[in-house]
Amino acid sequence: MPGKTNISILGCGWYGSALGKALIADGIQVKGSTTSAAKTEELAALGIRPYVVNFSPDGEIYDAGFFDCDVLWIAIPPKSRSGEGAVFLEKVKGIIRAIKQFAIQHVIFISSTAVYADNNRQVNEETAPQPNTEAGRILFEAENLFRAEDSFKTTIIRFAGLIGPGRNPGRFFAGKKEVPNGNAPVNLIHLDDCIGISRAILAKEAFGHLFNGCSPNHPAKADFYTQAALGSGFEKPEFVRELKEWKIVDSVHVRAVLDYEYKTLL
């Protein structure tokens, strides 16, 4: 990973912490942020240099040292269920001001395939998003805030539904009855591939790109989650075998630009 040996991860949750641990194993110095001082010891135990960072309407809290980095990774999903939409976009604007203030040149922003509506079609990075959910709209607006900046290069990764350690898909519908839309294709990505794509972006220095992170396999919802539940010893879910709204997310740029092959197929 030539020249990119000092990386800051804004948001060390499920993905951010795993990314930090993986990059440290690659010999990269990693700084990580949390909004809670109580979590700093947890990050330090992983080898991540912890910082308390908070961009909120009540004020911004950060140490300038956190923004002294070759690449800033932003992994702070909006809490759309709690109505954080407008607040999240203000956070993003504050982060962009800090990026410019500290002259960071390379940014990775983690978005979601929720920016694509379920419009009964296949989509890829060349498809214009038409988000129809609150989370999708917020994230697409945030993407556009980064795209509008020309003083630094932003790569956007749109991850599909996340599965892996601590997110066992067998639990998602275990024991549930009459689950609708059982024939809809699933769009998921395992944590191993989230990390694999992230590493590939650094290795290729692929800044200024857009990538969909989604497994190329799209089994039916009923088939995948039934097998996942039974395979983990949970009660079998029951699905309605119907096809309503759906989408298939393809990630053509992951292959074309990164030459990355998915390791965990569904």
C-alpha atoms as a PDB file:
ATOM      1  CA  MET A   1       0.000   0.000   0.000  1.00  0.00           C
ATOM      2  CA  PRO A   2       2.465   2.578  -1.274  1.00  0.00           C
ATOM      3  CA  GLY A   3       2.628   5.906   0.542  1.00  0.00           C
ATOM      4  CA  LYS A   4      -0.566   5.387   2.560  1.00  0.00           C
ATOM      5  CA  THR A   5       0.760   4.401   5.960  1.00  0.00           C
ATOM      6  CA  ASN A   6      -1.233   6.686   8.250  1.00  0.00           C
ATOM      7  CA  ILE A   7      -5.006   6.291   8.183  1.00  0.00           C
ATOM      8  CA  SER A   8      -7.736   7.767  10.366  1.00  0.00           C
ATOM      9  CA  ILE A   9     -11.083   6.006  10.668  1.00  0.00           C
ATOM     10  CA  LEU A  10     -13.967   8.260  11.656  1.00  0.00           C
ATOM     11  CA  GLY A  11     -16.452   5.855  13.193  1.00  0.00           C
ATOM     12  CA  CYS A  12     -15.065   2.647  14.682  1.00  0.00           C
ATOM     13  CA  GLY A  13     -18.216   0.570  14.819  1.00  0.00           C
ATOM     14  CA  TRP A  14     -18.673  -2.964  13.521  1.00  0.00           C
ATOM     15  CA  TYR A  15     -16.936  -2.304  10.196  1.00  0.00           C
ATOM     16  CA  GLY A  16     -14.577   0.493  11.242  1.00  0.00           C
ATOM     17  CA  SER A  17     -13.021  -1.471  14.106  1.00  0.00           C
ATOM     18  CA  ALA A  18     -12.535  -4.544  11.910  1.00  0.00           C
ATOM     19  CA  LEU A  19     -10.982  -2.383   9.196  1.00  0.00           C
ATOM     20  CA  GLY A  20      -8.606  -0.798  11.679  1.00  0.00           C
ATOM     21  CA  LYS A  21      -7.492  -4.188  12.975  1.00  0.00           C
ATOM     22  CA  ALA A  22      -6.884  -5.434   9.413  1.00  0.00           C
ATOM     23  CA  LEU A  23      -4.902  -2.354   8.373  1.00  0.00           C
ATOM     24  CA  ILE A  24      -2.705  -2.580  11.461  1.00  0.00           C
ATOM     25  CA  ALA A  25      -1.898  -6.155  10.432  1.00  0.00           C
ATOM     26  CA  ASP A  26      -0.782  -4.673   7.092  1.00  0.00           C
ATOM     27  CA  GLY A  27       1.689  -2.412   8.891  1.00  0.00           C
ATOM     28  CA  ILE A  28      -0.397   0.759   8.672  1.00  0.00           C
ATOM     29  CA  GLN A  29      -0.695   3.234  11.537  1.00  0.00           C
ATOM     30  CA  VAL A  30      -4.380   3.608  12.394  1.00  0.00           C
ATOM     31  CA  LYS A  31      -6.153   6.277  14.377  1.00  0.00           C
ATOM     32  CA  GLY A  32      -9.785   5.684  15.235  1.00  0.00           C
ATOM     33  CA  SER A  33     -12.591   7.828  16.535  1.00  0.00           C
ATOM     34  CA  THR A  34     -15.405   7.243  18.977  1.00  0.00           C
ATOM     35  CA  THR A  35     -17.965   9.641  20.398  1.00  0.00           C
ATOM     36  CA  SER A  36     -17.654   7.951  23.783  1.00  0.00           C
ATOM     37  CA  ALA A  37     -14.590   8.230  26.017  1.00  0.00           C
ATOM     38  CA  ALA A  38     -15.579   4.844  27.489  1.00  0.00           C
ATOM     39  CA  LYS A  39     -14.752   3.124  24.183  1.00  0.00           C
ATOM     40  CA  THR A  40     -11.206   4.458  23.888  1.00  0.00           C
ATOM     41  CA  GLU A  41      -9.749   1.535  25.839  1.00  0.00           C
ATOM     42  CA  GLU A  42     -11.497  -0.930  23.523  1.00  0.00           C
ATOM     43  CA  LEU A  43      -9.923   0.718  20.468  1.00  0.00           C
ATOM     44  CA  ALA A  44      -6.511   0.880  22.118  1.00  0.00           C
ATOM     45  CA  ALA A  45      -6.706  -2.856  22.832  1.00  0.00           C
ATOM     46  CA  LEU A  46      -7.011  -3.436  19.072  1.00  0.00           C
ATOM     47  CA  GLY A  47      -3.898  -1.352  18.452  1.00  0.00           C
ATOM     48  CA  ILE A  48      -5.925   1.610  17.178  1.00  0.00           C
ATOM     49  CA  ARG A  49      -4.860   4.999  18.527  1.00  0.00           C
ATOM     50  CA  PRO A  50      -8.134   6.317  19.970  1.00  0.00           C
ATOM     51  CA  TYR A  51      -9.573   9.813  19.709  1.00  0.00           C
ATOM     52  CA  VAL A  52     -12.868  11.221  20.912  1.00  0.00           C
ATOM     53  CA  VAL A  53     -14.426  12.962  17.914  1.00  0.00           C
ATOM     54  CA  ASN A  54     -17.926  14.367  17.724  1.00  0.00           C
ATOM     55  CA  PHE A  55     -19.532  16.567  15.102  1.00  0.00           C
ATOM     56  CA  SER A  56     -22.850  17.617  16.573  1.00  0.00           C
ATOM     57  CA  PRO A  57     -25.150  20.659  16.378  1.00  0.00           C
ATOM     58  CA  ASP A  58     -24.054  21.530  19.913  1.00  0.00           C
ATOM     59  CA  GLY A  59     -20.405  21.815  18.941  1.00  0.00           C
ATOM     60  CA  GLU A  60     -17.495  19.998  17.381  1.00  0.00           C
ATOM     61  CA  ILE A  61     -15.049  18.013  19.518  1.00  0.00           C
ATOM     62  CA  TYR A  62     -11.827  16.729  17.996  1.00  0.00           C
ATOM     63  CA  ASP A  63      -8.061  16.700  18.326  1.00  0.00           C
ATOM     64  CA  ALA A  64      -6.145  18.091  15.365  1.00  0.00           C
ATOM     65  CA  GLY A  65      -3.895  15.020  15.528  1.00  0.00           C
ATOM     66  CA  PHE A  66      -6.748  12.808  14.356  1.00  0.00           C
ATOM     67  CA  PHE A  67      -6.894  14.660  11.040  1.00  0.00           C
ATOM     68  CA  ASP A  68      -3.136  14.322  10.453  1.00  0.00           C
ATOM     69  CA  CYS A  69      -3.445  11.393   8.062  1.00  0.00           C
ATOM     70  CA  ASP A  70      -2.873  10.198   4.506  1.00  0.00           C
ATOM     71  CA  VAL A  71      -6.441   8.886   4.170  1.00  0.00           C
ATOM     72  CA  LEU A  72      -9.567   9.695   6.152  1.00  0.00           C
ATOM     73  CA  TRP A  73     -12.094   6.850   6.284  1.00  0.00           C
ATOM     74  CA  ILE A  74     -15.647   7.956   7.170  1.00  0.00           C
ATOM     75  CA  ALA A  75     -17.907   5.185   8.475  1.00  0.00           C
ATOM     76  CA  ILE A  76     -20.710   6.895  10.378  1.00  0.00           C
ATOM     77  CA  PRO A  77     -24.123   5.724   9.115  1.00  0.00           C
ATOM     78  CA  PRO A  78     -27.061   8.067   9.705  1.00  0.00           C
ATOM     79  CA  LYS A  79     -29.529   7.105  12.410  1.00  0.00           C
ATOM     80  CA  SER A  80     -32.502   7.596  10.123  1.00  0.00           C
ATOM     81  CA  ARG A  81     -34.923   5.818  12.448  1.00  0.00           C
ATOM     82  CA  SER A  82     -34.347   8.487  15.068  1.00  0.00           C
ATOM     83  CA  GLY A  83     -34.949  11.281  12.558  1.00  0.00           C
ATOM     84  CA  GLU A  84     -31.292  12.293  12.353  1.00  0.00           C
ATOM     85  CA  GLY A  85     -31.430  13.184   8.650  1.00  0.00           C
ATOM     86  CA  ALA A  86     -30.803  16.928   8.721  1.00  0.00           C
ATOM     87  CA  VAL A  87     -28.422  16.579  11.658  1.00  0.00           C
ATOM     88  CA  PHE A  88     -26.390  13.952   9.794  1.00  0.00           C
ATOM     89  CA  LEU A  89     -25.928  16.224   6.798  1.00  0.00           C
ATOM     90  CA  GLU A  90     -24.754  19.021   9.085  1.00  0.00           C
ATOM     91  CA  LYS A  91     -22.242  16.558  10.572  1.00  0.00           C
ATOM     92  CA  VAL A  92     -20.990  15.781   7.076  1.00  0.00           C
ATOM     93  CA  LYS A  93     -20.588  19.485   6.316  1.00  0.00           C
ATOM     94  CA  GLY A  94     -18.562  19.890   9.515  1.00  0.00           C
ATOM     95  CA  ILE A  95     -16.361  16.938   8.563  1.00  0.00           C
ATOM     96  CA  ILE A  96     -15.768  18.421   5.109  1.00  0.00           C
ATOM     97  CA  ARG A  97     -14.715  21.710   6.710  1.00  0.00           C
ATOM     98  CA  ALA A  98     -12.198  19.798   8.843  1.00  0.00           C
ATOM     99  CA  ILE A  99     -10.905  17.876   5.807  1.00  0.00           C
ATOM    100  CA  LYS A 100     -10.215  21.168   4.040  1.00  0.00           C
ATOM    101  CA  GLN A 101      -8.776  22.829   7.147  1.00  0.00           C
ATOM    102  CA  PHE A 102      -6.236  20.036   7.628  1.00  0.00           C
ATOM    103  CA  ALA A 103      -5.601  19.621   3.880  1.00  0.00           C
ATOM    104  CA  ILE A 104      -6.441  15.915   3.736  1.00  0.00           C
ATOM    105  CA  GLN A 105      -6.081  14.720   0.164  1.00  0.00           C
ATOM    106  CA  HIS A 106      -7.833  11.336   0.146  1.00  0.00           C
ATOM    107  CA  VAL A 107     -11.192  10.406   1.669  1.00  0.00           C
ATOM    108  CA  ILE A 108     -13.219   7.181   1.717  1.00  0.00           C
ATOM    109  CA  PHE A 109     -16.923   7.627   2.475  1.00  0.00           C
ATOM    110  CA  ILE A 110     -18.999   4.583   3.390  1.00  0.00           C
ATOM    111  CA  SER A 111     -22.477   4.762   1.914  1.00  0.00           C
ATOM    112  CA  SER A 112     -25.099   2.090   1.223  1.00  0.00           C
ATOM    113  CA  THR A 113     -26.908   0.396  -1.647  1.00  0.00           C
ATOM    114  CA  ALA A 114     -30.032   1.884  -0.009  1.00  0.00           C
ATOM    115  CA  VAL A 115     -29.483   4.788  -2.416  1.00  0.00           C
ATOM    116  CA  TYR A 116     -30.996   2.501  -5.075  1.00  0.00           C
ATOM    117  CA  ALA A 117     -34.747   2.063  -4.778  1.00  0.00           C
ATOM    118  CA  ASP A 118     -36.367  -1.358  -5.209  1.00  0.00           C
ATOM    119  CA  ASN A 119     -37.474  -0.617  -8.768  1.00  0.00           C
ATOM    120  CA  ASN A 120     -37.534  -4.215 -10.057  1.00  0.00           C
ATOM    121  CA  ARG A 121     -34.299  -4.024 -12.019  1.00  0.00           C
ATOM    122  CA  GLN A 122     -30.568  -4.639 -11.895  1.00  0.00           C
ATOM    123  CA  VAL A 123     -28.413  -1.668 -10.912  1.00  0.00           C
ATOM    124  CA  ASN A 124     -24.693  -0.927 -10.887  1.00  0.00           C
ATOM    125  CA  GLU A 125     -22.379   2.034 -10.305  1.00  0.00           C
ATOM    126  CA  GLU A 126     -23.483   3.592 -13.604  1.00  0.00           C
ATOM    127  CA  THR A 127     -27.155   3.611 -12.536  1.00  0.00           C
ATOM    128  CA  ALA A 128     -28.501   6.966 -11.347  1.00  0.00           C
ATOM    129  CA  PRO A 129     -29.859   6.422  -7.818  1.00  0.00           C
ATOM    130  CA  GLN A 130     -33.496   7.221  -7.076  1.00  0.00           C
ATOM    131  CA  PRO A 131     -33.659   6.683  -3.305  1.00  0.00           C
ATOM    132  CA  ASN A 132     -37.119   6.176  -1.839  1.00  0.00           C
ATOM    133  CA  THR A 133     -36.212   5.649   1.825  1.00  0.00           C
ATOM    134  CA  GLU A 134     -35.074   8.184   4.403  1.00  0.00           C
ATOM    135  CA  ALA A 135     -31.696   6.478   4.844  1.00  0.00           C
ATOM    136  CA  GLY A 136     -31.173   6.288   1.079  1.00  0.00           C
ATOM    137  CA  ARG A 137     -32.017   9.962   0.543  1.00  0.00           C
ATOM    138  CA  ILE A 138     -29.746  11.120   3.369  1.00  0.00           C
ATOM    139  CA  LEU A 139     -26.797   9.060   2.174  1.00  0.00           C
ATOM    140  CA  PHE A 140     -27.181  10.158  -1.445  1.00  0.00           C
ATOM    141  CA  GLU A 141     -27.235  13.799  -0.339  1.00  0.00           C
ATOM    142  CA  ALA A 142     -24.120  13.151   1.734  1.00  0.00           C
ATOM    143  CA  GLU A 143     -22.402  11.531  -1.259  1.00  0.00           C
ATOM    144  CA  ASN A 144     -23.171  14.611  -3.325  1.00  0.00           C
ATOM    145  CA  LEU A 145     -21.646  16.891  -0.688  1.00  0.00           C
ATOM    146  CA  PHE A 146     -18.371  15.007  -1.053  1.00  0.00           C
ATOM    147  CA  ARG A 147     -18.617  14.862  -4.844  1.00  0.00           C
ATOM    148  CA  ALA A 148     -18.981  18.652  -4.974  1.00  0.00           C
ATOM    149  CA  GLU A 149     -15.530  19.137  -3.429  1.00  0.00           C
ATOM    150  CA  ASP A 150     -12.482  19.406  -5.689  1.00  0.00           C
ATOM    151  CA  SER A 151      -9.769  20.101  -3.089  1.00  0.00           C
ATOM    152  CA  PHE A 152      -9.614  16.391  -2.176  1.00  0.00           C
ATOM    153  CA  LYS A 153     -10.517  13.071  -3.809  1.00  0.00           C
ATOM    154  CA  THR A 154     -13.341  10.986  -2.367  1.00  0.00           C
ATOM    155  CA  THR A 155     -13.977   7.331  -3.059  1.00  0.00           C
ATOM    156  CA  ILE A 156     -17.498   6.218  -2.183  1.00  0.00           C
ATOM    157  CA  ILE A 157     -18.244   2.616  -1.204  1.00  0.00           C
ATOM    158  CA  ARG A 158     -21.902   1.582  -1.204  1.00  0.00           C
ATOM    159  CA  PHE A 159     -22.121  -1.542   0.918  1.00  0.00           C
ATOM    160  CA  ALA A 160     -25.100  -3.887   0.646  1.00  0.00           C
ATOM    161  CA  GLY A 161     -26.627  -5.586   3.701  1.00  0.00           C
ATOM    162  CA  LEU A 162     -23.845  -6.461   6.131  1.00  0.00           C
ATOM    163  CA  ILE A 163     -23.313  -9.978   7.449  1.00  0.00           C
ATOM    164  CA  GLY A 164     -20.490 -11.608   9.362  1.00  0.00           C
ATOM    165  CA  PRO A 165     -19.312 -11.966  12.966  1.00  0.00           C
ATOM    166  CA  GLY A 166     -22.020 -10.639  15.277  1.00  0.00           C
ATOM    167  CA  ARG A 167     -24.423 -10.297  12.338  1.00  0.00           C
ATOM    168  CA  ASN A 168     -25.528 -13.861  11.718  1.00  0.00           C
ATOM    169  CA  PRO A 169     -28.193 -13.793   8.991  1.00  0.00           C
ATOM    170  CA  GLY A 170     -29.700 -16.933  10.510  1.00  0.00           C
ATOM    171  CA  ARG A 171     -31.106 -14.766  13.283  1.00  0.00           C
ATOM    172  CA  PHE A 172     -32.743 -12.169  11.029  1.00  0.00           C
ATOM    173  CA  PHE A 173     -36.011 -14.033  10.365  1.00  0.00           C
ATOM    174  CA  ALA A 174     -35.667 -17.062  12.661  1.00  0.00           C
ATOM    175  CA  GLY A 175     -39.075 -18.384  13.700  1.00  0.00           C
ATOM    176  CA  LYS A 176     -41.035 -15.673  11.891  1.00  0.00           C
ATOM    177  CA  LYS A 177     -44.180 -16.508   9.916  1.00  0.00           C
ATOM    178  CA  GLU A 178     -45.660 -15.136   6.718  1.00  0.00           C
ATOM    179  CA  VAL A 179     -42.553 -13.101   5.884  1.00  0.00           C
ATOM    180  CA  PRO A 180     -43.446 -11.243   2.668  1.00  0.00           C
ATOM    181  CA  ASN A 181     -41.575 -11.090  -0.649  1.00  0.00           C
ATOM    182  CA  GLY A 182     -39.852 -14.442  -0.226  1.00  0.00           C
ATOM    183  CA  ASN A 183     -38.800 -14.681  -3.873  1.00  0.00           C
ATOM    184  CA  ALA A 184     -36.987 -11.322  -3.882  1.00  0.00           C
ATOM    185  CA  PRO A 185     -33.224 -11.583  -4.501  1.00  0.00           C
ATOM    186  CA  VAL A 186     -30.961 -10.679  -1.587  1.00  0.00           C
ATOM    187  CA  ASN A 187     -28.164  -8.104  -1.747  1.00  0.00           C
ATOM    188  CA  LEU A 188     -25.582  -8.801   0.939  1.00  0.00           C
ATOM    189  CA  ILE A 189     -21.865  -8.573   1.626  1.00  0.00           C
ATOM    190  CA  HIS A 190     -19.763 -10.383   4.220  1.00  0.00           C
ATOM    191  CA  LEU A 191     -17.413  -8.417   6.462  1.00  0.00           C
ATOM    192  CA  ASP A 192     -14.449 -10.277   4.931  1.00  0.00           C
ATOM    193  CA  ASP A 193     -15.283  -8.753   1.550  1.00  0.00           C
ATOM    194  CA  CYS A 194     -15.906  -5.306   3.054  1.00  0.00           C
ATOM    195  CA  ILE A 195     -12.336  -5.467   4.345  1.00  0.00           C
ATOM    196  CA  GLY A 196     -11.033  -7.044   1.128  1.00  0.00           C
ATOM    197  CA  ILE A 197     -12.464  -4.257  -1.034  1.00  0.00           C
ATOM    198  CA  SER A 198     -11.161  -1.629   1.379  1.00  0.00           C
ATOM    199  CA  ARG A 199      -7.648  -3.077   1.237  1.00  0.00           C
ATOM    200  CA  ALA A 200      -7.822  -3.274  -2.563  1.00  0.00           C
ATOM    201  CA  ILE A 201      -8.707   0.433  -2.794  1.00  0.00           C
ATOM    202  CA  LEU A 202      -5.579   1.295  -0.821  1.00  0.00           C
ATOM    203  CA  ALA A 203      -3.399  -1.123  -2.782  1.00  0.00           C
ATOM    204  CA  LYS A 204      -4.588   0.309  -6.101  1.00  0.00           C
ATOM    205  CA  GLU A 205      -4.743   3.893  -4.741  1.00  0.00           C
ATOM    206  CA  ALA A 206      -8.210   4.020  -6.275  1.00  0.00           C
ATOM    207  CA  PHE A 207      -9.277   7.454  -5.093  1.00  0.00           C
ATOM    208  CA  GLY A 208     -12.073   9.391  -6.756  1.00  0.00           C
ATOM    209  CA  HIS A 209     -14.057   6.240  -7.605  1.00  0.00           C
ATOM    210  CA  LEU A 210     -17.460   4.761  -6.792  1.00  0.00           C
ATOM    211  CA  PHE A 211     -17.828   1.108  -5.787  1.00  0.00           C
ATOM    212  CA  ASN A 212     -20.845  -1.035  -4.969  1.00  0.00           C
ATOM    213  CA  GLY A 213     -19.861  -3.622  -2.385  1.00  0.00           C
ATOM    214  CA  CYS A 214     -22.257  -6.546  -2.885  1.00  0.00           C
ATOM    215  CA  SER A 215     -21.839 -10.280  -3.381  1.00  0.00           C
ATOM    216  CA  PRO A 216     -22.381 -11.328  -7.027  1.00  0.00           C
ATOM    217  CA  ASN A 217     -24.739 -14.096  -5.828  1.00  0.00           C
ATOM    218  CA  HIS A 218     -28.378 -13.168  -5.216  1.00  0.00           C
ATOM    219  CA  PRO A 219     -30.383 -16.162  -3.957  1.00  0.00           C
ATOM    220  CA  ALA A 220     -34.055 -15.759  -3.130  1.00  0.00           C
ATOM    221  CA  LYS A 221     -34.747 -14.260   0.287  1.00  0.00           C
ATOM    222  CA  ALA A 222     -36.681 -17.348   1.408  1.00  0.00           C
ATOM    223  CA  ASP A 223     -33.971 -19.768   0.314  1.00  0.00           C
ATOM    224  CA  PHE A 224     -31.050 -17.840   1.786  1.00  0.00           C
ATOM    225  CA  TYR A 225     -32.547 -17.002   5.175  1.00  0.00           C
ATOM    226  CA  THR A 226     -34.127 -20.426   5.660  1.00  0.00           C
ATOM    227  CA  GLN A 227     -30.794 -22.116   5.022  1.00  0.00           C
ATOM    228  CA  ALA A 228     -29.005 -19.591   7.259  1.00  0.00           C
ATOM    229  CA  ALA A 229     -31.455 -20.170  10.121  1.00  0.00           C
ATOM    230  CA  LEU A 230     -31.336 -23.954   9.926  1.00  0.00           C
ATOM    231  CA  GLY A 231     -27.561 -23.946   9.522  1.00  0.00           C
ATOM    232  CA  SER A 232     -27.213 -21.995  12.764  1.00  0.00           C
ATOM    233  CA  GLY A 233     -29.697 -24.111  14.687  1.00  0.00           C
ATOM    234  CA  PHE A 234     -32.498 -21.538  14.776  1.00  0.00           C
ATOM    235  CA  GLU A 235     -36.200 -22.091  14.180  1.00  0.00           C
ATOM    236  CA  LYS A 236     -37.128 -22.263  10.511  1.00  0.00           C
ATOM    237  CA  PRO A 237     -38.776 -19.089   9.197  1.00  0.00           C
ATOM    238  CA  GLU A 238     -41.774 -19.216   6.846  1.00  0.00           C
ATOM    239  CA  PHE A 239     -41.933 -16.957   3.797  1.00  0.00           C
ATOM    240  CA  VAL A 240     -44.666 -15.979   1.384  1.00  0.00           C
ATOM    241  CA  ARG A 241     -43.437 -17.193  -2.004  1.00  0.00           C
ATOM    242  CA  GLU A 242     -44.116 -13.994  -3.913  1.00  0.00           C
ATOM    243  CA  LEU A 243     -42.088 -11.397  -5.801  1.00  0.00           C
ATOM    244  CA  LYS A 244     -42.958  -7.778  -5.103  1.00  0.00           C
ATOM    245  CA  GLU A 245     -40.433  -4.936  -5.132  1.00  0.00           C
ATOM    246  CA  TRP A 246     -36.841  -6.025  -5.720  1.00  0.00           C
ATOM    247  CA  LYS A 247     -33.448  -5.039  -7.071  1.00  0.00           C
ATOM    248  CA  ILE A 248     -30.179  -6.761  -7.909  1.00  0.00           C
ATOM    249  CA  VAL A 249     -27.064  -4.768  -7.072  1.00  0.00           C
ATOM    250  CA  ASP A 250     -24.046  -5.434  -9.269  1.00  0.00           C
ATOM    251  CA  SER A 251     -20.545  -4.122  -8.572  1.00  0.00           C
ATOM    252  CA  VAL A 252     -18.896  -3.802 -11.974  1.00  0.00           C
ATOM    253  CA  HIS A 253     -16.239  -1.311 -10.809  1.00  0.00           C
ATOM    254  CA  VAL A 254     -14.987  -3.690  -8.119  1.00  0.00           C
ATOM    255  CA  ARG A 255     -13.895  -6.091 -10.844  1.00  0.00           C
ATOM    256  CA  ALA A 256     -12.869  -3.552 -13.486  1.00  0.00           C
ATOM    257  CA  VAL A 257     -10.932  -1.106 -11.285  1.00  0.00           C
ATOM    258  CA  LEU A 258      -9.814  -3.165  -8.311  1.00  0.00           C
ATOM    259  CA  ASP A 259      -9.493  -6.594  -9.951  1.00  0.00           C
ATOM    260  CA  TYR A 260     -11.068  -7.937  -6.766  1.00  0.00           C
ATOM    261  CA  GLU A 261     -12.784 -11.303  -6.538  1.00  0.00           C
ATOM    262  CA  TYR A 262     -15.351 -11.854  -3.793  1.00  0.00           C
ATOM    263  CA  LYS A 263     -14.256 -14.413  -1.234  1.00  0.00           C
ATOM    264  CA  THR A 264     -17.562 -15.106   0.518  1.00  0.00           C
ATOM    265  CA  LEU A 265     -20.346 -16.087  -1.862  1.00  0.00           C
ATOM    266  CA  LEU A 266     -23.927 -16.511  -0.664  1.00  0.00           C
END
